């Protein structure tokens, strides 16, 4: 007699083979967990680099160079991540990783800029900034909380803060739309490849 429980755990496929869905579900969960862990590690690595890099010896030119090069790096990483999503076998999960990396890099960039600006032009903010203070101010600005305990005083600091606000809006609305488009493109590509493989398998089976 056939065990009903064993029969439910197996799904027949063309050619007489069986594929256990339990293994497939476990594999999907492992992939999801791996992506989430990797996203967390990327964010943690960027924050660790922010604290470890020597940012105390920057001047006005150093602040500008850091901001410009950093924004170019954010744009480059984002473009690379979009391309990766389109060719990924798991575009949704890859989009989560891409968003975590892009946002973490964006926040660290502006935190570093605020810190270097305060070091090179003391009084740019209403109180001296440590690296933690700069990261805190960046997060409150990005999340639009704005407690008001730290605020920009100099014109340069206010311009940089406005750039972060505008960039944050673009990151939320524009980047989110681009990522959604990349995910849909990746899903269509994966569906097309699966359909092609299925068609190829049927043609092979139909041959004498």
N, C-alpha and C. Protein backbone atom coordinates (compact mmCIF):
# COMPACT_ATOMS: atom_id res chain seq x y z
N UNK A 1 0.84 -1.21 0.00
CA UNK A 1 0.00 0.00 0.00
C UNK A 1 0.87 1.25 0.00
N UNK A 2 0.34 2.32 -0.57
CA UNK A 2 1.09 3.56 -0.66
C UNK A 2 0.81 4.43 0.56
N UNK A 3 1.85 4.95 1.13
CA UNK A 3 1.71 5.81 2.29
C UNK A 3 1.17 7.16 1.84
N UNK A 4 -0.02 7.59 2.31
CA UNK A 4 -0.60 8.87 1.86
C UNK A 4 0.28 10.05 2.23
N UNK A 5 0.93 9.99 3.41
CA UNK A 5 1.78 11.11 3.82
C UNK A 5 2.95 11.27 2.88
N UNK A 6 3.54 10.14 2.48
CA UNK A 6 4.68 10.20 1.56
C UNK A 6 4.22 10.69 0.19
N UNK A 7 3.02 10.31 -0.19
CA UNK A 7 2.52 10.73 -1.50
C UNK A 7 2.30 12.24 -1.53
N UNK A 8 1.84 12.82 -0.41
CA UNK A 8 1.61 14.26 -0.37
C UNK A 8 2.91 15.04 -0.43
N UNK A 9 4.00 14.47 0.04
CA UNK A 9 5.28 15.17 0.06
C UNK A 9 5.96 15.16 -1.28
N UNK A 10 5.43 14.43 -2.24
CA UNK A 10 6.07 14.33 -3.54
C UNK A 10 5.12 14.81 -4.62
N UNK A 11 5.65 15.50 -5.60
CA UNK A 11 4.88 15.99 -6.74
C UNK A 11 5.47 15.37 -7.99
N UNK A 12 4.65 14.66 -8.73
CA UNK A 12 5.15 14.00 -9.93
C UNK A 12 5.48 15.01 -10.98
N UNK A 13 6.56 14.76 -11.73
CA UNK A 13 7.01 15.61 -12.81
C UNK A 13 7.09 14.78 -14.08
N UNK A 14 7.09 15.44 -15.27
CA UNK A 14 7.25 14.70 -16.52
C UNK A 14 8.53 13.88 -16.49
N UNK A 15 8.42 12.65 -16.96
CA UNK A 15 9.60 11.80 -16.98
C UNK A 15 9.63 10.85 -15.81
N UNK A 16 8.61 10.95 -14.87
CA UNK A 16 8.54 9.99 -13.79
C UNK A 16 9.31 10.38 -12.56
N UNK A 17 9.97 11.54 -12.54
CA UNK A 17 10.73 11.95 -11.37
C UNK A 17 9.81 12.64 -10.39
N UNK A 18 10.23 12.74 -9.15
CA UNK A 18 9.43 13.37 -8.11
C UNK A 18 10.24 14.46 -7.46
N UNK A 19 9.56 15.56 -7.14
CA UNK A 19 10.22 16.70 -6.52
C UNK A 19 9.56 17.00 -5.20
N UNK A 20 10.27 16.86 -4.08
CA UNK A 20 9.66 17.11 -2.77
C UNK A 20 9.52 18.61 -2.52
N UNK A 21 8.29 19.13 -2.36
CA UNK A 21 8.11 20.56 -2.13
C UNK A 21 8.67 21.02 -0.80
N UNK A 22 8.81 20.10 0.17
CA UNK A 22 9.34 20.47 1.47
C UNK A 22 10.76 20.99 1.32
N UNK A 23 11.58 20.29 0.54
CA UNK A 23 12.95 20.73 0.31
C UNK A 23 12.98 22.07 -0.41
N UNK A 24 12.06 22.24 -1.36
CA UNK A 24 11.99 23.50 -2.09
C UNK A 24 11.66 24.66 -1.16
N UNK A 25 10.73 24.44 -0.23
CA UNK A 25 10.35 25.49 0.72
C UNK A 25 11.51 25.82 1.64
N UNK A 26 12.19 24.78 2.13
CA UNK A 26 13.34 25.01 3.01
C UNK A 26 14.44 25.76 2.28
N UNK A 27 14.66 25.39 1.02
CA UNK A 27 15.69 26.07 0.23
C UNK A 27 15.34 27.54 0.04
N UNK A 28 14.05 27.83 -0.21
CA UNK A 28 13.63 29.23 -0.36
C UNK A 28 13.82 30.02 0.91
N UNK A 29 13.55 29.40 2.05
CA UNK A 29 13.73 30.08 3.32
C UNK A 29 15.21 30.35 3.60
N UNK A 30 16.05 29.40 3.24
CA UNK A 30 17.49 29.59 3.43
C UNK A 30 18.02 30.72 2.56
N UNK A 31 17.53 30.78 1.32
CA UNK A 31 17.96 31.86 0.42
C UNK A 31 17.52 33.21 0.97
N UNK A 32 16.27 33.28 1.45
CA UNK A 32 15.76 34.53 2.02
C UNK A 32 16.58 34.95 3.23
N UNK A 33 16.86 33.99 4.11
CA UNK A 33 17.65 34.30 5.30
C UNK A 33 19.05 34.75 4.93
N UNK A 34 19.64 34.09 3.93
CA UNK A 34 20.99 34.47 3.50
C UNK A 34 21.03 35.89 2.95
N UNK A 35 20.01 36.26 2.17
CA UNK A 35 19.96 37.61 1.60
C UNK A 35 19.80 38.65 2.70
N UNK A 36 18.92 38.39 3.67
CA UNK A 36 18.70 39.33 4.77
C UNK A 36 19.96 39.49 5.62
N UNK A 37 20.62 38.36 5.88
CA UNK A 37 21.86 38.44 6.65
C UNK A 37 22.93 39.21 5.89
N UNK A 38 23.02 38.96 4.58
CA UNK A 38 24.01 39.68 3.76
C UNK A 38 23.72 41.18 3.72
N UNK A 39 22.44 41.54 3.64
CA UNK A 39 22.07 42.95 3.65
C UNK A 39 22.46 43.60 4.97
N UNK A 40 22.22 42.90 6.07
CA UNK A 40 22.62 43.42 7.38
C UNK A 40 24.12 43.56 7.51
N UNK A 41 24.85 42.59 6.98
CA UNK A 41 26.31 42.65 7.05
C UNK A 41 26.87 43.80 6.22
N UNK A 42 26.26 44.06 5.06
CA UNK A 42 26.70 45.18 4.22
C UNK A 42 26.51 46.50 4.96
N UNK A 43 25.32 46.68 5.57
CA UNK A 43 25.06 47.90 6.32
C UNK A 43 26.01 48.04 7.50
N UNK A 44 26.25 46.93 8.21
CA UNK A 44 27.16 46.96 9.35
C UNK A 44 28.59 47.28 8.92
N UNK A 45 29.02 46.74 7.77
CA UNK A 45 30.37 47.00 7.27
C UNK A 45 30.54 48.47 6.90
N UNK A 46 29.52 49.07 6.29
CA UNK A 46 29.60 50.48 5.92
C UNK A 46 29.66 51.37 7.15
N UNK A 47 28.88 51.04 8.17
CA UNK A 47 28.90 51.83 9.40
C UNK A 47 30.25 51.66 10.11
N UNK A 48 30.77 50.44 10.11
CA UNK A 48 32.08 50.20 10.73
C UNK A 48 33.17 50.98 10.00
N UNK A 49 33.11 51.00 8.67
CA UNK A 49 34.08 51.77 7.89
C UNK A 49 33.98 53.26 8.20
N UNK A 50 32.76 53.74 8.40
CA UNK A 50 32.55 55.15 8.75
C UNK A 50 33.25 55.50 10.05
N UNK A 51 33.16 54.62 11.04
CA UNK A 51 33.79 54.89 12.32
C UNK A 51 35.30 54.69 12.29
N UNK A 52 35.76 53.81 11.41
CA UNK A 52 37.20 53.50 11.37
C UNK A 52 38.00 54.45 10.49
N UNK A 53 37.39 55.02 9.46
CA UNK A 53 38.14 55.89 8.55
C UNK A 53 38.55 57.18 9.25
N UNK A 54 39.78 57.64 9.01
CA UNK A 54 40.25 58.90 9.62
C UNK A 54 39.67 60.11 8.88
N UNK A 55 38.63 60.69 9.41
CA UNK A 55 37.96 61.82 8.78
C UNK A 55 38.26 63.15 9.48
N UNK A 56 39.23 63.14 10.37
CA UNK A 56 39.49 64.32 11.18
C UNK A 56 40.35 65.37 10.48
N UNK A 57 40.95 65.01 9.36
CA UNK A 57 41.91 65.92 8.72
C UNK A 57 41.39 66.44 7.40
N UNK A 58 40.12 66.67 7.30
CA UNK A 58 39.55 67.19 6.06
C UNK A 58 39.37 68.70 6.11
N UNK A 59 39.50 69.36 4.99
CA UNK A 59 39.28 70.79 4.90
C UNK A 59 38.04 71.07 4.08
N UNK A 60 37.88 72.32 3.65
CA UNK A 60 36.73 72.66 2.83
C UNK A 60 36.72 71.90 1.53
N UNK A 61 37.91 71.79 0.91
CA UNK A 61 38.01 71.02 -0.34
C UNK A 61 37.74 69.55 -0.09
N UNK A 62 38.18 69.06 1.07
CA UNK A 62 37.95 67.66 1.40
C UNK A 62 36.47 67.36 1.59
N UNK A 63 35.75 68.32 2.17
CA UNK A 63 34.30 68.13 2.34
C UNK A 63 33.60 68.03 0.99
N UNK A 64 33.95 68.94 0.08
CA UNK A 64 33.34 68.93 -1.26
C UNK A 64 33.68 67.65 -2.01
N UNK A 65 34.96 67.25 -1.94
CA UNK A 65 35.39 66.04 -2.64
C UNK A 65 34.68 64.81 -2.08
N UNK A 66 34.55 64.76 -0.76
CA UNK A 66 33.88 63.62 -0.13
C UNK A 66 32.43 63.53 -0.58
N UNK A 67 31.75 64.68 -0.61
CA UNK A 67 30.34 64.68 -0.99
C UNK A 67 30.15 64.31 -2.45
N UNK A 68 30.94 64.93 -3.34
CA UNK A 68 30.80 64.67 -4.77
C UNK A 68 31.15 63.22 -5.10
N UNK A 69 32.30 62.77 -4.62
CA UNK A 69 32.73 61.39 -4.89
C UNK A 69 31.76 60.38 -4.26
N UNK A 70 31.27 60.73 -3.09
CA UNK A 70 30.33 59.83 -2.43
C UNK A 70 29.02 59.71 -3.19
N UNK A 71 28.49 60.84 -3.69
CA UNK A 71 27.25 60.79 -4.46
C UNK A 71 27.44 60.01 -5.75
N UNK A 72 28.59 60.17 -6.38
CA UNK A 72 28.88 59.38 -7.58
C UNK A 72 28.95 57.89 -7.24
N UNK A 73 29.54 57.58 -6.08
CA UNK A 73 29.62 56.18 -5.65
C UNK A 73 28.23 55.61 -5.40
N UNK A 74 27.36 56.39 -4.75
CA UNK A 74 25.98 55.94 -4.50
C UNK A 74 25.27 55.66 -5.82
N UNK A 75 25.40 56.59 -6.78
CA UNK A 75 24.76 56.41 -8.09
C UNK A 75 25.32 55.18 -8.80
N UNK A 76 26.64 54.99 -8.72
CA UNK A 76 27.26 53.84 -9.38
C UNK A 76 26.82 52.52 -8.76
N UNK A 77 26.79 52.46 -7.43
CA UNK A 77 26.35 51.25 -6.74
C UNK A 77 24.89 50.94 -7.07
N UNK A 78 24.07 51.99 -7.09
CA UNK A 78 22.65 51.79 -7.37
C UNK A 78 22.45 51.26 -8.79
N UNK A 79 23.16 51.86 -9.76
CA UNK A 79 23.04 51.40 -11.16
C UNK A 79 23.49 49.95 -11.29
N UNK A 80 24.58 49.60 -10.62
CA UNK A 80 25.07 48.21 -10.66
C UNK A 80 24.06 47.26 -10.03
N UNK A 81 23.45 47.68 -8.92
CA UNK A 81 22.47 46.84 -8.25
C UNK A 81 21.23 46.63 -9.12
N UNK A 82 20.80 47.69 -9.82
CA UNK A 82 19.63 47.56 -10.71
C UNK A 82 19.92 46.53 -11.80
N UNK A 83 21.10 46.61 -12.38
CA UNK A 83 21.48 45.64 -13.42
C UNK A 83 21.52 44.22 -12.85
N UNK A 84 22.03 44.09 -11.63
CA UNK A 84 22.11 42.77 -11.00
C UNK A 84 20.72 42.21 -10.73
N UNK A 85 19.79 43.08 -10.31
CA UNK A 85 18.42 42.63 -10.03
C UNK A 85 17.79 42.05 -11.28
N UNK A 86 17.99 42.71 -12.42
CA UNK A 86 17.37 42.26 -13.67
C UNK A 86 17.85 40.88 -14.08
N UNK A 87 19.06 40.50 -13.68
CA UNK A 87 19.61 39.20 -14.08
C UNK A 87 19.65 38.20 -12.92
N UNK A 88 19.05 38.56 -11.79
CA UNK A 88 19.09 37.69 -10.63
C UNK A 88 17.98 36.65 -10.70
N UNK A 89 18.24 35.42 -10.22
CA UNK A 89 17.17 34.41 -10.16
C UNK A 89 16.14 34.73 -9.08
N UNK A 90 16.50 35.63 -8.14
CA UNK A 90 15.58 36.06 -7.09
C UNK A 90 15.55 37.58 -7.04
N UNK A 91 14.88 38.21 -8.01
CA UNK A 91 14.94 39.67 -8.12
C UNK A 91 14.36 40.41 -6.91
N UNK A 92 13.32 39.86 -6.30
CA UNK A 92 12.73 40.53 -5.14
C UNK A 92 13.72 40.58 -3.97
N UNK A 93 14.35 39.46 -3.71
CA UNK A 93 15.31 39.42 -2.61
C UNK A 93 16.53 40.28 -2.92
N UNK A 94 16.96 40.26 -4.16
CA UNK A 94 18.10 41.08 -4.56
C UNK A 94 17.77 42.56 -4.40
N UNK A 95 16.50 42.94 -4.64
CA UNK A 95 16.09 44.33 -4.48
C UNK A 95 16.18 44.76 -3.02
N UNK A 96 15.85 43.86 -2.10
CA UNK A 96 15.97 44.17 -0.68
C UNK A 96 17.43 44.43 -0.32
N UNK A 97 18.31 43.57 -0.82
CA UNK A 97 19.74 43.76 -0.57
C UNK A 97 20.25 45.06 -1.19
N UNK A 98 19.79 45.35 -2.39
CA UNK A 98 20.23 46.58 -3.08
C UNK A 98 19.76 47.82 -2.33
N UNK A 99 18.52 47.80 -1.85
CA UNK A 99 18.00 48.95 -1.13
C UNK A 99 18.76 49.17 0.18
N UNK A 100 19.06 48.07 0.88
CA UNK A 100 19.80 48.19 2.14
C UNK A 100 21.19 48.77 1.90
N UNK A 101 21.87 48.29 0.87
CA UNK A 101 23.22 48.78 0.57
C UNK A 101 23.20 50.24 0.15
N UNK A 102 22.24 50.62 -0.69
CA UNK A 102 22.17 51.99 -1.19
C UNK A 102 21.85 52.97 -0.07
N UNK A 103 20.85 52.64 0.75
CA UNK A 103 20.46 53.54 1.84
C UNK A 103 21.58 53.67 2.87
N UNK A 104 22.22 52.55 3.22
CA UNK A 104 23.31 52.60 4.19
C UNK A 104 24.47 53.45 3.67
N UNK A 105 24.82 53.28 2.41
CA UNK A 105 25.90 54.07 1.82
C UNK A 105 25.52 55.55 1.79
N UNK A 106 24.29 55.84 1.46
CA UNK A 106 23.80 57.22 1.40
C UNK A 106 23.88 57.89 2.78
N UNK A 107 23.43 57.20 3.80
CA UNK A 107 23.45 57.76 5.16
C UNK A 107 24.87 57.95 5.66
N UNK A 108 25.72 56.96 5.43
CA UNK A 108 27.11 57.07 5.87
C UNK A 108 27.82 58.22 5.16
N UNK A 109 27.50 58.40 3.87
CA UNK A 109 28.11 59.49 3.11
C UNK A 109 27.80 60.84 3.73
N UNK A 110 26.54 61.11 4.02
CA UNK A 110 26.19 62.41 4.58
C UNK A 110 26.66 62.56 6.02
N UNK A 111 26.65 61.47 6.78
CA UNK A 111 27.18 61.55 8.14
C UNK A 111 28.66 61.93 8.11
N UNK A 112 29.42 61.32 7.21
CA UNK A 112 30.83 61.66 7.07
C UNK A 112 31.03 63.10 6.61
N UNK A 113 30.16 63.55 5.72
CA UNK A 113 30.25 64.94 5.23
C UNK A 113 29.99 65.93 6.35
N UNK A 114 28.97 65.68 7.16
CA UNK A 114 28.67 66.58 8.28
C UNK A 114 29.83 66.60 9.28
N UNK A 115 30.38 65.44 9.53
CA UNK A 115 31.48 65.37 10.50
C UNK A 115 32.70 66.13 10.00
N UNK A 116 33.08 65.90 8.73
CA UNK A 116 34.24 66.60 8.16
C UNK A 116 33.98 68.11 8.10
N UNK A 117 32.75 68.49 7.78
CA UNK A 117 32.41 69.91 7.72
C UNK A 117 32.56 70.57 9.09
N UNK A 118 32.11 69.91 10.13
CA UNK A 118 32.24 70.47 11.47
C UNK A 118 33.70 70.55 11.91
N UNK A 119 34.50 69.55 11.49
CA UNK A 119 35.92 69.57 11.86
C UNK A 119 36.67 70.69 11.14
N UNK A 120 36.29 70.94 9.88
CA UNK A 120 37.01 71.95 9.10
C UNK A 120 36.47 73.36 9.34
N UNK A 121 35.21 73.48 9.71
CA UNK A 121 34.61 74.79 9.97
C UNK A 121 33.79 74.70 11.25
N UNK A 122 34.49 74.87 12.37
CA UNK A 122 33.83 74.76 13.67
C UNK A 122 32.71 75.79 13.78
N UNK A 123 31.58 75.35 14.30
CA UNK A 123 30.43 76.24 14.42
C UNK A 123 29.43 76.07 13.31
N UNK A 124 29.68 75.12 12.39
CA UNK A 124 28.72 74.86 11.33
C UNK A 124 27.40 74.35 11.88
N UNK A 125 27.46 73.72 13.05
CA UNK A 125 26.26 73.23 13.73
C UNK A 125 26.19 73.88 15.11
N UNK A 126 25.05 73.75 15.76
CA UNK A 126 24.87 74.43 17.03
C UNK A 126 25.65 73.79 18.17
N UNK A 127 26.27 72.65 17.90
CA UNK A 127 27.13 72.00 18.89
C UNK A 127 28.16 71.15 18.16
N UNK A 128 29.33 70.93 18.77
CA UNK A 128 30.35 70.09 18.12
C UNK A 128 29.81 68.69 17.87
N UNK A 129 30.19 68.14 16.73
CA UNK A 129 29.68 66.82 16.34
C UNK A 129 30.73 65.75 16.48
N UNK A 130 30.37 64.67 17.17
CA UNK A 130 31.16 63.45 17.10
C UNK A 130 30.64 62.66 15.90
N UNK A 131 31.26 61.54 15.59
CA UNK A 131 30.77 60.72 14.48
C UNK A 131 29.37 60.19 14.77
N UNK A 132 29.12 59.85 16.03
CA UNK A 132 27.79 59.38 16.40
C UNK A 132 26.76 60.50 16.26
N UNK A 133 27.14 61.71 16.67
CA UNK A 133 26.24 62.86 16.52
C UNK A 133 25.91 63.10 15.05
N UNK A 134 26.94 63.02 14.19
CA UNK A 134 26.72 63.25 12.76
C UNK A 134 25.80 62.20 12.17
N UNK A 135 26.00 60.94 12.56
CA UNK A 135 25.13 59.87 12.06
C UNK A 135 23.71 60.04 12.59
N UNK A 136 23.59 60.46 13.84
CA UNK A 136 22.28 60.71 14.45
C UNK A 136 21.55 61.83 13.71
N UNK A 137 22.26 62.92 13.43
CA UNK A 137 21.65 64.04 12.71
C UNK A 137 21.22 63.60 11.30
N UNK A 138 22.05 62.77 10.66
CA UNK A 138 21.71 62.26 9.33
C UNK A 138 20.44 61.42 9.36
N UNK A 139 20.31 60.56 10.34
CA UNK A 139 19.14 59.69 10.44
C UNK A 139 17.87 60.49 10.75
N UNK A 140 17.97 61.46 11.65
CA UNK A 140 16.78 62.26 11.97
C UNK A 140 16.35 63.11 10.78
N UNK A 141 17.32 63.56 9.98
CA UNK A 141 16.97 64.32 8.78
C UNK A 141 16.36 63.41 7.73
N UNK A 142 16.93 62.22 7.55
CA UNK A 142 16.44 61.29 6.53
C UNK A 142 15.03 60.82 6.85
N UNK A 143 14.75 60.58 8.12
CA UNK A 143 13.43 60.09 8.53
C UNK A 143 12.44 61.22 8.78
N UNK A 144 12.86 62.46 8.53
CA UNK A 144 12.04 63.67 8.71
C UNK A 144 11.54 63.82 10.14
N UNK A 145 12.26 63.26 11.11
CA UNK A 145 11.86 63.43 12.50
C UNK A 145 12.22 64.83 12.97
N UNK A 146 13.50 65.21 12.81
CA UNK A 146 13.94 66.55 13.13
C UNK A 146 13.64 66.99 14.55
N UNK A 147 14.32 66.37 15.51
CA UNK A 147 14.09 66.73 16.91
C UNK A 147 14.49 68.18 17.21
N UNK A 148 15.43 68.72 16.45
CA UNK A 148 15.84 70.10 16.67
C UNK A 148 16.96 70.28 17.67
N UNK A 149 17.42 69.16 18.28
CA UNK A 149 18.52 69.29 19.24
C UNK A 149 19.84 69.58 18.53
N UNK A 150 19.98 69.11 17.29
CA UNK A 150 21.15 69.45 16.46
C UNK A 150 20.62 70.09 15.19
N UNK A 151 21.15 71.25 14.85
CA UNK A 151 20.72 71.91 13.63
C UNK A 151 21.88 72.62 12.97
N UNK A 152 21.75 72.80 11.66
CA UNK A 152 22.80 73.44 10.87
C UNK A 152 22.74 74.95 11.05
N UNK A 153 23.92 75.56 11.24
CA UNK A 153 23.99 77.01 11.43
C UNK A 153 24.59 77.73 10.22
N UNK A 154 25.70 77.19 9.71
CA UNK A 154 26.37 77.87 8.60
C UNK A 154 25.62 77.64 7.30
N UNK A 155 25.87 78.51 6.34
CA UNK A 155 25.23 78.38 5.03
C UNK A 155 25.62 77.08 4.35
N UNK A 156 26.90 76.71 4.47
CA UNK A 156 27.36 75.47 3.84
C UNK A 156 26.66 74.26 4.44
N UNK A 157 26.56 74.23 5.77
CA UNK A 157 25.91 73.11 6.44
C UNK A 157 24.45 73.02 6.04
N UNK A 158 23.79 74.15 5.87
CA UNK A 158 22.38 74.14 5.48
C UNK A 158 22.21 73.68 4.03
N UNK A 159 23.14 74.06 3.18
CA UNK A 159 23.07 73.60 1.79
C UNK A 159 23.24 72.09 1.72
N UNK A 160 24.21 71.56 2.48
CA UNK A 160 24.42 70.10 2.49
C UNK A 160 23.18 69.39 3.05
N UNK A 161 22.59 69.97 4.09
CA UNK A 161 21.38 69.37 4.67
C UNK A 161 20.23 69.37 3.66
N UNK A 162 20.08 70.46 2.91
CA UNK A 162 19.04 70.50 1.89
C UNK A 162 19.31 69.48 0.79
N UNK A 163 20.59 69.28 0.45
CA UNK A 163 20.93 68.25 -0.53
C UNK A 163 20.53 66.87 -0.03
N UNK A 164 20.76 66.63 1.26
CA UNK A 164 20.36 65.33 1.81
C UNK A 164 18.85 65.17 1.76
N UNK A 165 18.11 66.23 2.11
CA UNK A 165 16.64 66.15 2.07
C UNK A 165 16.14 65.84 0.66
N UNK A 166 16.68 66.57 -0.32
CA UNK A 166 16.26 66.35 -1.71
C UNK A 166 16.66 64.95 -2.17
N UNK A 167 17.87 64.53 -1.83
CA UNK A 167 18.32 63.19 -2.20
C UNK A 167 17.51 62.11 -1.54
N UNK A 168 17.09 62.35 -0.28
CA UNK A 168 16.26 61.38 0.41
C UNK A 168 14.92 61.19 -0.26
N UNK A 169 14.32 62.30 -0.72
CA UNK A 169 13.04 62.20 -1.44
C UNK A 169 13.21 61.43 -2.74
N UNK A 170 14.30 61.72 -3.45
CA UNK A 170 14.56 61.00 -4.70
C UNK A 170 14.77 59.51 -4.42
N UNK A 171 15.47 59.22 -3.32
CA UNK A 171 15.75 57.82 -2.99
C UNK A 171 14.46 57.08 -2.68
N UNK A 172 13.53 57.75 -2.01
CA UNK A 172 12.28 57.10 -1.61
C UNK A 172 11.36 56.90 -2.81
N UNK A 173 11.22 57.93 -3.64
CA UNK A 173 10.23 57.86 -4.72
C UNK A 173 10.84 57.35 -6.04
N UNK A 174 11.88 58.01 -6.50
CA UNK A 174 12.46 57.64 -7.80
C UNK A 174 13.15 56.29 -7.73
N UNK A 175 14.03 56.12 -6.73
CA UNK A 175 14.77 54.86 -6.63
C UNK A 175 13.83 53.68 -6.39
N UNK A 176 12.77 53.89 -5.60
CA UNK A 176 11.82 52.81 -5.35
C UNK A 176 11.13 52.38 -6.65
N UNK A 177 10.79 53.35 -7.48
CA UNK A 177 10.16 53.02 -8.77
C UNK A 177 11.13 52.26 -9.68
N UNK A 178 12.39 52.70 -9.69
CA UNK A 178 13.39 52.03 -10.53
C UNK A 178 13.60 50.60 -10.05
N UNK A 179 13.67 50.41 -8.75
CA UNK A 179 13.85 49.06 -8.21
C UNK A 179 12.64 48.19 -8.55
N UNK A 180 11.43 48.75 -8.45
CA UNK A 180 10.23 47.98 -8.80
C UNK A 180 10.25 47.58 -10.27
N UNK A 181 10.69 48.49 -11.14
CA UNK A 181 10.80 48.17 -12.56
C UNK A 181 11.85 47.07 -12.79
N UNK A 182 12.97 47.16 -12.06
CA UNK A 182 14.02 46.15 -12.20
C UNK A 182 13.53 44.78 -11.74
N UNK A 183 12.76 44.77 -10.66
CA UNK A 183 12.20 43.50 -10.17
C UNK A 183 11.25 42.90 -11.20
N UNK A 184 10.37 43.71 -11.77
CA UNK A 184 9.43 43.21 -12.77
C UNK A 184 10.16 42.70 -14.00
N UNK A 185 11.22 43.41 -14.40
CA UNK A 185 12.01 42.96 -15.55
C UNK A 185 12.68 41.62 -15.25
N UNK A 186 13.22 41.50 -14.03
CA UNK A 186 13.85 40.24 -13.64
C UNK A 186 12.87 39.09 -13.59
N UNK A 187 11.66 39.35 -13.10
CA UNK A 187 10.64 38.30 -13.05
C UNK A 187 10.21 37.87 -14.45
N UNK A 188 10.05 38.85 -15.35
CA UNK A 188 9.69 38.51 -16.73
C UNK A 188 10.79 37.72 -17.41
N UNK A 189 12.04 38.09 -17.15
CA UNK A 189 13.17 37.36 -17.73
C UNK A 189 13.20 35.93 -17.22
N UNK A 190 12.96 35.78 -15.90
CA UNK A 190 12.98 34.43 -15.33
C UNK A 190 11.83 33.59 -15.88
N UNK A 191 10.64 34.21 -16.04
CA UNK A 191 9.49 33.49 -16.60
C UNK A 191 9.76 33.08 -18.03
N UNK A 192 10.39 33.97 -18.81
CA UNK A 192 10.72 33.65 -20.19
C UNK A 192 11.71 32.51 -20.29
N UNK A 193 12.70 32.49 -19.40
CA UNK A 193 13.68 31.41 -19.41
C UNK A 193 13.04 30.09 -19.02
N UNK A 194 12.13 30.14 -18.01
CA UNK A 194 11.44 28.91 -17.60
C UNK A 194 10.55 28.38 -18.71
N UNK A 195 9.87 29.30 -19.41
CA UNK A 195 9.02 28.87 -20.51
C UNK A 195 9.85 28.28 -21.64
N UNK A 196 11.01 28.87 -21.91
CA UNK A 196 11.89 28.34 -22.96
C UNK A 196 12.42 26.96 -22.60
N UNK A 197 12.79 26.77 -21.34
CA UNK A 197 13.28 25.46 -20.91
C UNK A 197 12.18 24.41 -20.99
N UNK A 198 10.95 24.82 -20.60
CA UNK A 198 9.84 23.88 -20.64
C UNK A 198 9.52 23.49 -22.09
N UNK A 199 9.54 24.47 -22.98
CA UNK A 199 9.27 24.20 -24.38
C UNK A 199 10.35 23.30 -24.97
N UNK A 200 11.60 23.58 -24.58
CA UNK A 200 12.70 22.74 -25.07
C UNK A 200 12.58 21.32 -24.56
N UNK A 201 12.13 21.17 -23.30
CA UNK A 201 11.96 19.83 -22.75
C UNK A 201 10.86 19.07 -23.46
N UNK A 202 9.78 19.76 -23.79
CA UNK A 202 8.68 19.10 -24.49
C UNK A 202 9.09 18.67 -25.89
N UNK A 203 9.85 19.54 -26.56
CA UNK A 203 10.29 19.19 -27.91
C UNK A 203 11.22 17.98 -27.87
N UNK A 204 12.07 17.91 -26.87
CA UNK A 204 12.99 16.78 -26.76
C UNK A 204 12.23 15.49 -26.50
N UNK A 205 11.19 15.57 -25.59
CA UNK A 205 10.43 14.39 -25.29
C UNK A 205 9.60 13.91 -26.47
N UNK A 206 9.22 14.83 -27.35
CA UNK A 206 8.39 14.46 -28.50
C UNK A 206 9.16 13.80 -29.62
N UNK A 207 10.50 13.87 -29.56
CA UNK A 207 11.29 13.24 -30.62
C UNK A 207 11.30 11.75 -30.47
N UNK A 208 11.35 11.01 -31.59
CA UNK A 208 11.39 9.53 -31.50
C UNK A 208 12.73 9.06 -30.97
